Amino acid sequence: MELKTVLGSIAIAVLLFFGIIFAWSTGAQGMEQSDVIRRLIIAVMMFVLAFLIAFYITRKPKTIVQQFEVSGQMKAVTIKCPNCSGSIDPNTIKIVDGVPYATCPYCGNHFQVTEEPKW
């Protein structure tokens, strides 16, 4: 179990406990209206903070898996810089907003990698 989860669970328990105490204490006899409102606000803030911490420690990162099928044989082609015709390493291609970009290690040209039509 991660330290984040343990500390978050302890914080949630403490916040909920004191939130209940503050909410329960508003029913005491002889309290002024402003004290009741102040304690209710503090209780609500403790509840909200406890639920926000619970949301933070229980959320899981999203994993996106992309799969594709090809209808026939595929042949790898070399990627060349449009500026100097230098070879580009496919492992250095970065996807930015769904578009592949590459930077030439020889001339520093930053360009979009496009697939040329087959016909």
N, C-alpha and C. Protein backbone atom coordinates (compact mmCIF):
# COMPACT_ATOMS: atom_id res chain seq x y z
N MET A 1 0.85 -1.17 0.00
CA MET A 1 0.00 0.00 0.00
C MET A 1 0.89 1.24 0.00
N GLU A 2 0.54 2.21 -0.80
CA GLU A 2 1.35 3.41 -0.92
C GLU A 2 1.18 4.32 0.27
N LEU A 3 2.21 5.12 0.53
CA LEU A 3 2.18 6.08 1.63
C LEU A 3 1.08 7.10 1.40
N LYS A 4 0.87 7.49 0.13
CA LYS A 4 -0.19 8.44 -0.21
C LYS A 4 -1.55 7.92 0.21
N THR A 5 -1.80 6.64 0.01
CA THR A 5 -3.08 6.04 0.36
C THR A 5 -3.27 5.98 1.87
N VAL A 6 -2.21 5.61 2.59
CA VAL A 6 -2.30 5.51 4.06
C VAL A 6 -2.55 6.88 4.67
N LEU A 7 -1.73 7.87 4.28
CA LEU A 7 -1.89 9.22 4.83
C LEU A 7 -3.24 9.82 4.43
N GLY A 8 -3.67 9.57 3.19
CA GLY A 8 -4.97 10.07 2.76
C GLY A 8 -6.11 9.45 3.54
N SER A 9 -6.02 8.16 3.83
CA SER A 9 -7.07 7.49 4.62
C SER A 9 -7.13 8.03 6.04
N ILE A 10 -5.97 8.29 6.62
CA ILE A 10 -5.95 8.86 7.98
C ILE A 10 -6.54 10.27 7.96
N ALA A 11 -6.17 11.06 6.96
CA ALA A 11 -6.71 12.43 6.86
C ALA A 11 -8.22 12.40 6.66
N ILE A 12 -8.71 11.47 5.86
CA ILE A 12 -10.15 11.36 5.64
C ILE A 12 -10.87 11.02 6.94
N ALA A 13 -10.33 10.05 7.69
CA ALA A 13 -10.96 9.66 8.95
C ALA A 13 -11.00 10.82 9.93
N VAL A 14 -9.90 11.55 10.05
CA VAL A 14 -9.85 12.69 10.99
C VAL A 14 -10.81 13.79 10.56
N LEU A 15 -10.82 14.11 9.25
CA LEU A 15 -11.72 15.16 8.77
C LEU A 15 -13.20 14.78 8.94
N LEU A 16 -13.54 13.53 8.64
CA LEU A 16 -14.93 13.11 8.83
C LEU A 16 -15.32 13.11 10.31
N PHE A 17 -14.42 12.67 11.18
CA PHE A 17 -14.70 12.66 12.62
C PHE A 17 -14.98 14.08 13.12
N PHE A 18 -14.06 15.01 12.81
CA PHE A 18 -14.27 16.37 13.29
C PHE A 18 -15.43 17.06 12.57
N GLY A 19 -15.68 16.70 11.33
CA GLY A 19 -16.83 17.25 10.63
C GLY A 19 -18.13 16.84 11.30
N ILE A 20 -18.21 15.57 11.72
CA ILE A 20 -19.40 15.10 12.44
C ILE A 20 -19.52 15.81 13.79
N ILE A 21 -18.41 15.96 14.49
CA ILE A 21 -18.43 16.65 15.79
C ILE A 21 -18.92 18.09 15.62
N PHE A 22 -18.39 18.80 14.62
CA PHE A 22 -18.81 20.19 14.40
C PHE A 22 -20.28 20.25 14.00
N ALA A 23 -20.74 19.33 13.16
CA ALA A 23 -22.14 19.34 12.74
C ALA A 23 -23.06 19.00 13.92
N TRP A 24 -22.62 18.07 14.76
CA TRP A 24 -23.43 17.66 15.90
C TRP A 24 -23.50 18.76 16.95
N SER A 25 -22.43 19.52 17.08
CA SER A 25 -22.39 20.56 18.12
C SER A 25 -23.28 21.75 17.79
N THR A 26 -23.79 21.84 16.56
CA THR A 26 -24.68 22.96 16.22
C THR A 26 -26.04 22.82 16.90
N GLY A 27 -26.36 21.64 17.38
CA GLY A 27 -27.64 21.43 18.05
C GLY A 27 -27.61 21.76 19.53
N ALA A 28 -26.48 22.25 20.05
CA ALA A 28 -26.37 22.57 21.48
C ALA A 28 -27.28 23.75 21.81
N GLN A 29 -27.83 23.72 23.01
CA GLN A 29 -28.74 24.77 23.48
C GLN A 29 -27.95 26.03 23.85
N GLY A 30 -28.53 27.19 23.60
CA GLY A 30 -27.96 28.45 24.03
C GLY A 30 -26.89 29.00 23.11
N MET A 31 -26.73 28.46 21.92
CA MET A 31 -25.72 28.98 20.99
C MET A 31 -26.32 30.10 20.16
N GLU A 32 -25.50 31.07 19.86
CA GLU A 32 -25.95 32.16 19.01
C GLU A 32 -26.04 31.68 17.56
N GLN A 33 -26.86 32.37 16.79
CA GLN A 33 -27.06 32.00 15.40
C GLN A 33 -25.75 32.04 14.61
N SER A 34 -24.91 33.04 14.85
CA SER A 34 -23.66 33.16 14.10
C SER A 34 -22.70 32.00 14.41
N ASP A 35 -22.71 31.51 15.67
CA ASP A 35 -21.86 30.37 16.01
C ASP A 35 -22.35 29.09 15.33
N VAL A 36 -23.65 28.92 15.24
CA VAL A 36 -24.22 27.75 14.58
C VAL A 36 -23.83 27.75 13.10
N ILE A 37 -23.98 28.89 12.45
CA ILE A 37 -23.66 29.00 11.02
C ILE A 37 -22.17 28.75 10.81
N ARG A 38 -21.32 29.33 11.66
CA ARG A 38 -19.87 29.15 11.54
C ARG A 38 -19.49 27.67 11.67
N ARG A 39 -20.08 26.98 12.63
CA ARG A 39 -19.77 25.56 12.83
C ARG A 39 -20.28 24.70 11.67
N LEU A 40 -21.44 25.05 11.14
CA LEU A 40 -21.95 24.31 9.98
C LEU A 40 -21.05 24.51 8.76
N ILE A 41 -20.56 25.72 8.56
CA ILE A 41 -19.66 25.98 7.44
C ILE A 41 -18.38 25.19 7.60
N ILE A 42 -17.83 25.15 8.81
CA ILE A 42 -16.61 24.39 9.06
C ILE A 42 -16.87 22.90 8.84
N ALA A 43 -18.01 22.40 9.30
CA ALA A 43 -18.33 20.98 9.11
C ALA A 43 -18.45 20.64 7.63
N VAL A 44 -19.12 21.48 6.86
CA VAL A 44 -19.28 21.23 5.43
C VAL A 44 -17.92 21.28 4.74
N MET A 45 -17.07 22.23 5.10
CA MET A 45 -15.73 22.30 4.50
C MET A 45 -14.93 21.04 4.80
N MET A 46 -15.05 20.51 6.02
CA MET A 46 -14.34 19.28 6.38
C MET A 46 -14.86 18.09 5.56
N PHE A 47 -16.17 18.00 5.38
CA PHE A 47 -16.74 16.92 4.58
C PHE A 47 -16.27 17.01 3.12
N VAL A 48 -16.30 18.21 2.56
CA VAL A 48 -15.89 18.39 1.17
C VAL A 48 -14.41 18.05 1.01
N LEU A 49 -13.57 18.51 1.93
CA LEU A 49 -12.15 18.21 1.86
C LEU A 49 -11.90 16.71 1.98
N ALA A 50 -12.64 16.03 2.84
CA ALA A 50 -12.49 14.58 2.99
C ALA A 50 -12.87 13.86 1.69
N PHE A 51 -13.94 14.30 1.04
CA PHE A 51 -14.35 13.66 -0.21
C PHE A 51 -13.38 13.98 -1.35
N LEU A 52 -12.80 15.17 -1.35
CA LEU A 52 -11.79 15.49 -2.37
C LEU A 52 -10.54 14.64 -2.20
N ILE A 53 -10.11 14.44 -0.96
CA ILE A 53 -8.95 13.58 -0.71
C ILE A 53 -9.27 12.15 -1.12
N ALA A 54 -10.48 11.68 -0.81
CA ALA A 54 -10.87 10.32 -1.19
C ALA A 54 -10.87 10.17 -2.71
N PHE A 55 -11.35 11.18 -3.42
CA PHE A 55 -11.34 11.14 -4.88
C PHE A 55 -9.91 11.09 -5.40
N TYR A 56 -9.02 11.89 -4.81
CA TYR A 56 -7.63 11.95 -5.28
C TYR A 56 -6.90 10.63 -5.08
N ILE A 57 -7.09 9.98 -3.92
CA ILE A 57 -6.32 8.77 -3.66
C ILE A 57 -6.91 7.53 -4.33
N THR A 58 -8.16 7.61 -4.79
CA THR A 58 -8.76 6.43 -5.42
C THR A 58 -8.77 6.49 -6.94
N ARG A 59 -8.42 7.62 -7.53
CA ARG A 59 -8.46 7.70 -8.99
C ARG A 59 -7.29 6.93 -9.58
N LYS A 60 -7.53 6.35 -10.72
CA LYS A 60 -6.53 5.54 -11.42
C LYS A 60 -6.16 6.25 -12.71
N PRO A 61 -4.90 6.19 -13.12
CA PRO A 61 -4.54 6.80 -14.40
C PRO A 61 -5.15 6.01 -15.56
N LYS A 62 -5.52 6.73 -16.60
CA LYS A 62 -6.11 6.09 -17.76
C LYS A 62 -5.01 5.51 -18.64
N THR A 63 -5.25 4.32 -19.14
CA THR A 63 -4.34 3.69 -20.08
C THR A 63 -5.05 3.59 -21.42
N ILE A 64 -4.43 4.15 -22.43
CA ILE A 64 -5.02 4.13 -23.76
C ILE A 64 -4.23 3.15 -24.61
N VAL A 65 -4.93 2.17 -25.19
CA VAL A 65 -4.30 1.17 -26.05
C VAL A 65 -4.87 1.34 -27.45
N GLN A 66 -3.99 1.58 -28.40
CA GLN A 66 -4.42 1.72 -29.78
C GLN A 66 -3.99 0.47 -30.55
N GLN A 67 -4.94 -0.11 -31.27
CA GLN A 67 -4.66 -1.30 -32.06
C GLN A 67 -5.13 -1.02 -33.48
N PHE A 68 -4.43 -1.59 -34.43
CA PHE A 68 -4.86 -1.46 -35.82
C PHE A 68 -4.56 -2.75 -36.55
N GLU A 69 -5.35 -2.99 -37.57
CA GLU A 69 -5.16 -4.15 -38.42
C GLU A 69 -4.84 -3.68 -39.82
N VAL A 70 -3.97 -4.40 -40.48
CA VAL A 70 -3.63 -4.06 -41.86
C VAL A 70 -4.18 -5.16 -42.76
N SER A 71 -4.55 -4.76 -43.96
CA SER A 71 -5.18 -5.72 -44.86
C SER A 71 -4.17 -6.58 -45.61
N GLY A 72 -2.95 -6.15 -45.67
CA GLY A 72 -1.95 -6.91 -46.42
C GLY A 72 -0.60 -6.81 -45.75
N GLN A 73 0.44 -7.09 -46.52
CA GLN A 73 1.79 -7.00 -45.98
C GLN A 73 2.20 -5.54 -45.84
N MET A 74 3.02 -5.32 -44.84
CA MET A 74 3.53 -3.97 -44.62
C MET A 74 5.04 -3.97 -44.86
N LYS A 75 5.52 -2.88 -45.39
CA LYS A 75 6.94 -2.74 -45.63
C LYS A 75 7.39 -1.45 -44.94
N ALA A 76 8.43 -1.55 -44.13
CA ALA A 76 8.95 -0.37 -43.45
C ALA A 76 9.76 0.47 -44.43
N VAL A 77 9.52 1.76 -44.40
CA VAL A 77 10.29 2.67 -45.24
C VAL A 77 11.05 3.63 -44.33
N THR A 78 12.15 4.12 -44.81
CA THR A 78 12.93 5.06 -44.01
C THR A 78 12.27 6.43 -44.06
N ILE A 79 12.36 7.12 -42.95
CA ILE A 79 11.82 8.48 -42.87
C ILE A 79 12.99 9.42 -43.12
N LYS A 80 12.80 10.33 -44.06
CA LYS A 80 13.86 11.27 -44.41
C LYS A 80 13.40 12.69 -44.14
N CYS A 81 14.35 13.52 -43.75
CA CYS A 81 14.08 14.94 -43.50
C CYS A 81 13.77 15.62 -44.83
N PRO A 82 12.68 16.40 -44.92
CA PRO A 82 12.37 17.08 -46.17
C PRO A 82 13.36 18.22 -46.48
N ASN A 83 14.14 18.63 -45.49
CA ASN A 83 15.07 19.74 -45.68
C ASN A 83 16.43 19.26 -46.17
N CYS A 84 17.01 18.23 -45.51
CA CYS A 84 18.36 17.80 -45.85
C CYS A 84 18.45 16.34 -46.27
N SER A 85 17.33 15.62 -46.27
CA SER A 85 17.24 14.20 -46.63
C SER A 85 18.00 13.29 -45.68
N GLY A 86 18.22 13.76 -44.47
CA GLY A 86 18.87 12.92 -43.46
C GLY A 86 17.89 11.89 -42.92
N SER A 87 18.40 10.74 -42.52
CA SER A 87 17.55 9.67 -41.99
C SER A 87 17.10 10.03 -40.56
N ILE A 88 15.84 9.75 -40.29
CA ILE A 88 15.25 10.05 -38.99
C ILE A 88 15.02 8.74 -38.25
N ASP A 89 15.41 8.70 -36.99
CA ASP A 89 15.17 7.53 -36.16
C ASP A 89 13.69 7.49 -35.79
N PRO A 90 12.97 6.40 -36.09
CA PRO A 90 11.53 6.34 -35.78
C PRO A 90 11.23 6.44 -34.28
N ASN A 91 12.19 6.11 -33.44
CA ASN A 91 11.95 6.18 -31.99
C ASN A 91 11.93 7.61 -31.48
N THR A 92 12.37 8.57 -32.28
CA THR A 92 12.39 9.97 -31.83
C THR A 92 11.14 10.73 -32.25
N ILE A 93 10.22 10.07 -32.93
CA ILE A 93 8.99 10.74 -33.36
C ILE A 93 8.09 10.96 -32.14
N LYS A 94 7.59 12.18 -32.00
CA LYS A 94 6.71 12.55 -30.89
C LYS A 94 5.31 12.81 -31.43
N ILE A 95 4.30 12.37 -30.70
CA ILE A 95 2.91 12.62 -31.07
C ILE A 95 2.44 13.84 -30.29
N VAL A 96 2.06 14.90 -31.00
CA VAL A 96 1.56 16.13 -30.39
C VAL A 96 0.15 16.37 -30.92
N ASP A 97 -0.83 16.32 -30.03
CA ASP A 97 -2.24 16.50 -30.39
C ASP A 97 -2.67 15.54 -31.49
N GLY A 98 -2.18 14.31 -31.45
CA GLY A 98 -2.55 13.29 -32.41
C GLY A 98 -1.80 13.35 -33.73
N VAL A 99 -0.83 14.25 -33.85
CA VAL A 99 -0.08 14.41 -35.10
C VAL A 99 1.38 14.06 -34.83
N PRO A 100 1.97 13.17 -35.65
CA PRO A 100 3.38 12.81 -35.43
C PRO A 100 4.33 13.89 -35.95
N TYR A 101 5.28 14.28 -35.09
CA TYR A 101 6.30 15.26 -35.45
C TYR A 101 7.67 14.64 -35.21
N ALA A 102 8.64 15.05 -36.04
CA ALA A 102 10.01 14.58 -35.90
C ALA A 102 10.94 15.78 -36.01
N THR A 103 12.12 15.63 -35.41
CA THR A 103 13.15 16.65 -35.50
C THR A 103 14.39 15.99 -36.11
N CYS A 104 14.93 16.62 -37.12
CA CYS A 104 16.10 16.08 -37.80
C CYS A 104 17.34 16.28 -36.92
N PRO A 105 18.11 15.21 -36.66
CA PRO A 105 19.30 15.37 -35.82
C PRO A 105 20.44 16.07 -36.55
N TYR A 106 20.33 16.22 -37.87
CA TYR A 106 21.41 16.82 -38.66
C TYR A 106 21.22 18.32 -38.85
N CYS A 107 20.02 18.71 -39.29
CA CYS A 107 19.80 20.14 -39.57
C CYS A 107 18.88 20.81 -38.54
N GLY A 108 18.25 20.03 -37.65
CA GLY A 108 17.37 20.59 -36.62
C GLY A 108 15.99 20.95 -37.11
N ASN A 109 15.65 20.58 -38.33
CA ASN A 109 14.33 20.87 -38.90
C ASN A 109 13.27 20.09 -38.14
N HIS A 110 12.20 20.79 -37.71
CA HIS A 110 11.07 20.17 -37.02
C HIS A 110 9.92 20.08 -38.01
N PHE A 111 9.48 18.86 -38.32
CA PHE A 111 8.48 18.70 -39.36
C PHE A 111 7.46 17.63 -38.97
N GLN A 112 6.31 17.70 -39.66
CA GLN A 112 5.23 16.74 -39.44
C GLN A 112 5.49 15.53 -40.33
N VAL A 113 5.38 14.36 -39.76
CA VAL A 113 5.57 13.12 -40.51
C VAL A 113 4.25 12.79 -41.19
N THR A 114 4.27 12.69 -42.52
CA THR A 114 3.07 12.40 -43.27
C THR A 114 3.26 11.14 -44.09
N GLU A 115 2.18 10.47 -44.37
CA GLU A 115 2.22 9.27 -45.21
C GLU A 115 1.84 9.68 -46.62
N GLU A 116 2.70 9.37 -47.53
CA GLU A 116 2.45 9.72 -48.92
C GLU A 116 1.45 8.72 -49.51
N PRO A 117 0.61 9.15 -50.43
CA PRO A 117 -0.33 8.24 -51.08
C PRO A 117 0.38 7.14 -51.84
N LYS A 118 -0.25 5.99 -51.92
CA LYS A 118 0.35 4.84 -52.57
C LYS A 118 0.16 4.85 -54.10
N TRP A 119 -0.74 5.64 -54.63
CA TRP A 119 -1.01 5.61 -56.07
C TRP A 119 -0.22 6.63 -56.83
